[in-house]
Amino acid sequence: MLKTIPDSTTDDHAAPTVKVAVEIESGTMMNNIEKKLPRNYNVMHVALRLACLLASLVSLVVMISAKEKSTISLYGFDLPVYSKWSFSNSFDYLVGVSAAVALHCLVQLFMSSSRMLIRKSSIISSRNHAWLLYAADQVFALAMMSAGSAASGVTNLNRTGIKHSSLPNFCKPLQRFCDHVAFSIAFTLFGCFLLAMSVVLDVVWLSVVR
């Protein structure tokens, strides 16, 4: 009785051949994608991440350093006042959002730089990766906008006082504190703009890969 012995040599050579073919096809696809993207797309994406990281860090550091002691005149009495960023929930929210955005940008910057410089490939590995970046950038951009808006309301109240009451403009005796807060809010809104630009780049990548 004859038995058929499987040709193990053929199977051993088939698996590496298929693997190499898949790698070549994947590499060809990524090269075609890169050709369709705008020139220096990867550089623009990394530059936006770096700028957003710096903006969120500046917003965070400046807000944390916002504190001041002074005196204010109320009903003819000089009263000591002390203001600190942690006394306001809106400022706490801004600090938390700025820290989260800085962490997000740092992680994405590390991943993008490693793919671009070490692997010499596109900073976005797949369509799912692009959708994830698109969603995350939108969420953080909206969070930065809401944090900046909430903090702006409190700052405006400090500068104008409360109408129909004797509560004064607190930013007169606490000018340095209000300047720190305004500077932090400005960089928060700037970071929101940078994230919005990152969303645009994500859409460009998704429009190329269909």
Protein backbone atom coordinates (compact mmCIF):
# COMPACT_ATOMS: atom_id res chain seq x y z
CA MET A 1 0.00 0.00 0.00
CA LEU A 2 1.38 3.37 -1.05
CA LYS A 3 1.22 6.47 1.15
CA THR A 4 1.44 10.00 -0.09
CA ILE A 5 4.01 12.04 1.78
CA PRO A 6 3.25 15.78 1.79
CA ASP A 7 5.90 17.90 0.22
CA SER A 8 7.09 19.86 3.25
CA THR A 9 9.64 21.67 1.15
CA THR A 10 6.91 23.32 -0.91
CA ASP A 11 4.99 24.41 2.22
CA ASP A 12 8.10 25.80 3.84
CA HIS A 13 8.81 27.98 0.83
CA ALA A 14 5.18 29.04 0.32
CA ALA A 15 4.74 30.80 3.68
CA PRO A 16 7.76 33.13 3.36
CA THR A 17 6.79 33.85 -0.25
CA VAL A 18 3.28 34.90 0.77
CA LYS A 19 4.66 37.01 3.62
CA VAL A 20 7.09 38.80 1.33
CA ALA A 21 4.32 39.40 -1.20
CA VAL A 22 2.07 40.94 1.46
CA GLU A 23 4.88 43.18 2.70
CA ILE A 24 5.64 44.34 -0.84
CA GLU A 25 1.98 45.03 -1.53
CA SER A 26 1.60 46.94 1.75
CA GLY A 27 4.72 48.97 1.05
CA THR A 28 3.54 49.75 -2.48
CA MET A 29 0.16 50.89 -1.16
CA MET A 30 1.75 53.21 1.41
CA ASN A 31 4.06 54.66 -1.26
CA ASN A 32 1.06 55.38 -3.49
CA ILE A 33 -0.72 57.06 -0.56
CA GLU A 34 2.29 59.25 0.19
CA LYS A 35 2.45 60.33 -3.48
CA LYS A 36 -1.19 61.47 -3.35
CA LEU A 37 -0.74 63.45 -0.13
CA PRO A 38 0.38 67.10 -0.17
CA ARG A 39 4.11 67.66 -0.17
CA ASN A 40 5.69 67.63 3.31
CA TYR A 41 2.43 66.29 4.79
CA ASN A 42 4.25 64.36 7.52
CA VAL A 43 6.36 67.38 8.43
CA MET A 44 3.27 69.60 8.70
CA HIS A 45 1.53 67.04 10.90
CA VAL A 46 4.51 66.75 13.27
CA ALA A 47 4.98 70.53 13.35
CA LEU A 48 1.34 71.02 14.34
CA ARG A 49 1.67 68.41 17.09
CA LEU A 50 4.78 70.11 18.44
CA ALA A 51 3.19 73.57 18.33
CA CYS A 52 0.05 72.28 20.07
CA LEU A 53 2.17 70.59 22.74
CA LEU A 54 4.02 73.83 23.43
CA ALA A 55 0.81 75.89 23.46
CA SER A 56 -0.90 73.58 25.95
CA LEU A 57 2.18 73.50 28.17
CA VAL A 58 2.42 77.30 28.18
CA SER A 59 -1.28 77.55 29.01
CA LEU A 60 -0.87 75.02 31.83
CA VAL A 61 2.26 76.56 33.38
CA VAL A 62 1.03 80.16 33.18
CA MET A 63 -2.33 79.29 34.73
CA ILE A 64 -0.72 77.34 37.59
CA SER A 65 1.50 80.34 38.34
CA ALA A 66 -1.52 82.69 38.54
CA LYS A 67 -1.78 83.88 42.15
CA GLU A 68 -1.48 87.25 43.85
CA LYS A 69 -2.10 89.07 47.15
CA SER A 70 -3.32 92.66 47.39
CA THR A 71 -5.84 94.95 49.11
CA ILE A 72 -9.17 96.28 47.85
CA SER A 73 -11.33 99.19 49.02
CA LEU A 74 -14.93 98.22 49.82
CA TYR A 75 -17.36 100.58 51.61
CA GLY A 76 -14.38 102.69 52.62
CA PHE A 77 -12.49 99.79 54.18
CA ASP A 78 -9.25 98.35 52.85
CA LEU A 79 -9.61 94.58 52.78
CA PRO A 80 -6.88 92.07 51.98
CA VAL A 81 -7.60 89.86 48.98
CA TYR A 82 -5.83 86.78 47.73
CA SER A 83 -6.56 85.14 44.41
CA LYS A 84 -5.32 81.81 43.06
CA TRP A 85 -6.24 79.79 39.98
CA SER A 86 -7.43 76.83 42.06
CA PHE A 87 -10.20 78.96 43.63
CA SER A 88 -12.20 78.76 40.37
CA ASN A 89 -13.68 75.57 38.93
CA SER A 90 -13.35 77.03 35.43
CA PHE A 91 -9.61 77.51 35.88
CA ASP A 92 -9.31 73.99 37.30
CA TYR A 93 -11.06 72.72 34.19
CA LEU A 94 -8.68 74.63 31.94
CA VAL A 95 -5.66 73.19 33.74
CA GLY A 96 -7.02 69.65 33.45
CA VAL A 97 -7.83 69.98 29.74
CA SER A 98 -4.45 71.57 28.98
CA ALA A 99 -2.66 68.72 30.75
CA ALA A 100 -4.71 66.10 28.85
CA VAL A 101 -4.03 67.80 25.50
CA ALA A 102 -0.31 68.05 26.28
CA LEU A 103 -0.22 64.32 27.04
CA HIS A 104 -2.16 63.50 23.87
CA CYS A 105 0.18 65.61 21.71
CA LEU A 106 3.27 64.15 23.38
CA VAL A 107 2.17 60.56 22.71
CA GLN A 108 1.20 61.30 19.11
CA LEU A 109 4.40 63.27 18.54
CA PHE A 110 6.51 60.36 19.79
CA MET A 111 4.66 57.85 17.61
CA SER A 112 4.74 60.07 14.53
CA SER A 113 8.42 60.92 14.89
CA SER A 114 9.41 57.27 15.36
CA ARG A 115 7.50 56.21 12.24
CA MET A 116 8.82 59.08 10.15
CA LEU A 117 12.47 59.06 11.25
CA ILE A 118 13.16 55.44 12.23
CA ARG A 119 10.84 53.43 9.99
CA LYS A 120 10.89 55.98 7.14
CA SER A 121 7.14 55.51 6.66
CA SER A 122 3.92 57.52 6.84
CA ILE A 123 3.00 58.81 10.29
CA ILE A 124 -0.49 57.30 9.89
CA SER A 125 -0.34 53.53 9.61
CA SER A 126 -3.91 52.68 8.53
CA ARG A 127 -7.38 54.05 7.92
CA ASN A 128 -8.47 53.00 11.42
CA HIS A 129 -5.51 54.91 12.85
CA ALA A 130 -6.57 57.99 10.87
CA TRP A 131 -10.16 57.75 12.14
CA LEU A 132 -8.87 57.44 15.72
CA LEU A 133 -6.73 60.56 15.33
CA TYR A 134 -9.63 62.40 13.71
CA ALA A 135 -11.95 61.61 16.63
CA ALA A 136 -9.36 62.36 19.33
CA ASP A 137 -8.30 65.67 17.77
CA GLN A 138 -11.92 66.78 17.51
CA VAL A 139 -12.73 65.85 21.12
CA PHE A 140 -9.67 67.66 22.48
CA ALA A 141 -10.26 70.70 20.26
CA LEU A 142 -13.82 71.05 21.58
CA ALA A 143 -12.58 70.53 25.15
CA MET A 144 -9.99 73.30 24.71
CA MET A 145 -12.64 75.62 23.29
CA SER A 146 -15.03 74.97 26.18
CA ALA A 147 -12.24 75.41 28.76
CA GLY A 148 -11.16 78.71 27.21
CA SER A 149 -14.75 79.95 27.03
CA ALA A 150 -15.49 79.04 30.65
CA ALA A 151 -12.32 80.69 31.90
CA SER A 152 -13.01 83.80 29.80
CA GLY A 153 -16.39 84.26 31.49
CA VAL A 154 -14.81 84.28 34.95
CA THR A 155 -12.03 86.63 33.84
CA ASN A 156 -14.48 89.05 32.28
CA LEU A 157 -16.49 89.09 35.52
CA ASN A 158 -13.33 89.90 37.48
CA ARG A 159 -12.52 92.78 35.14
CA THR A 160 -15.99 94.39 35.03
CA GLY A 161 -17.37 93.55 38.47
CA ILE A 162 -21.03 92.72 39.00
CA LYS A 163 -23.66 95.18 37.77
CA HIS A 164 -26.19 96.64 40.23
CA SER A 165 -23.93 95.79 43.17
CA SER A 166 -21.01 97.32 44.99
CA LEU A 167 -18.61 94.54 44.02
CA PRO A 168 -15.70 96.24 42.23
CA ASN A 169 -13.31 95.35 39.44
CA PHE A 170 -11.04 92.79 41.10
CA CYS A 171 -8.47 93.00 38.31
CA LYS A 172 -7.38 96.48 39.38
CA PRO A 173 -5.70 95.31 42.60
CA LEU A 174 -4.94 91.86 41.11
CA GLN A 175 -3.57 92.97 37.76
CA ARG A 176 -0.76 90.40 37.58
CA PHE A 177 -3.15 87.56 38.37
CA CYS A 178 -5.61 88.61 35.66
CA ASP A 179 -2.81 89.04 33.13
CA HIS A 180 -1.62 85.49 33.80
CA VAL A 181 -5.14 84.14 33.36
CA ALA A 182 -5.69 86.09 30.12
CA PHE A 183 -2.35 84.87 28.74
CA SER A 184 -3.24 81.28 29.60
CA ILE A 185 -6.66 81.57 27.96
CA ALA A 186 -5.08 82.99 24.80
CA PHE A 187 -2.77 80.00 24.46
CA THR A 188 -5.65 77.65 25.21
CA LEU A 189 -7.63 79.03 22.29
CA PHE A 190 -4.51 78.95 20.13
CA GLY A 191 -4.09 75.27 21.00
CA CYS A 192 -7.72 74.71 19.98
CA PHE A 193 -6.94 76.29 16.59
CA LEU A 194 -3.90 74.03 16.13
CA LEU A 195 -5.95 70.93 16.94
CA ALA A 196 -8.54 72.07 14.40
CA MET A 197 -5.78 72.27 11.80
CA SER A 198 -4.72 68.74 12.75
CA VAL A 199 -8.30 67.60 12.14
CA VAL A 200 -8.08 69.10 8.64
CA LEU A 201 -4.91 67.10 7.96
CA ASP A 202 -6.65 63.95 9.23
CA VAL A 203 -9.50 64.60 6.78
CA VAL A 204 -7.00 65.06 3.95
CA TRP A 205 -5.47 61.64 4.69
CA LEU A 206 -8.90 59.99 4.88
CA SER A 207 -9.95 61.59 1.60
CA VAL A 208 -6.90 60.10 -0.13
CA VAL A 209 -7.38 56.58 1.27
CA ARG A 210 -10.83 55.36 0.24
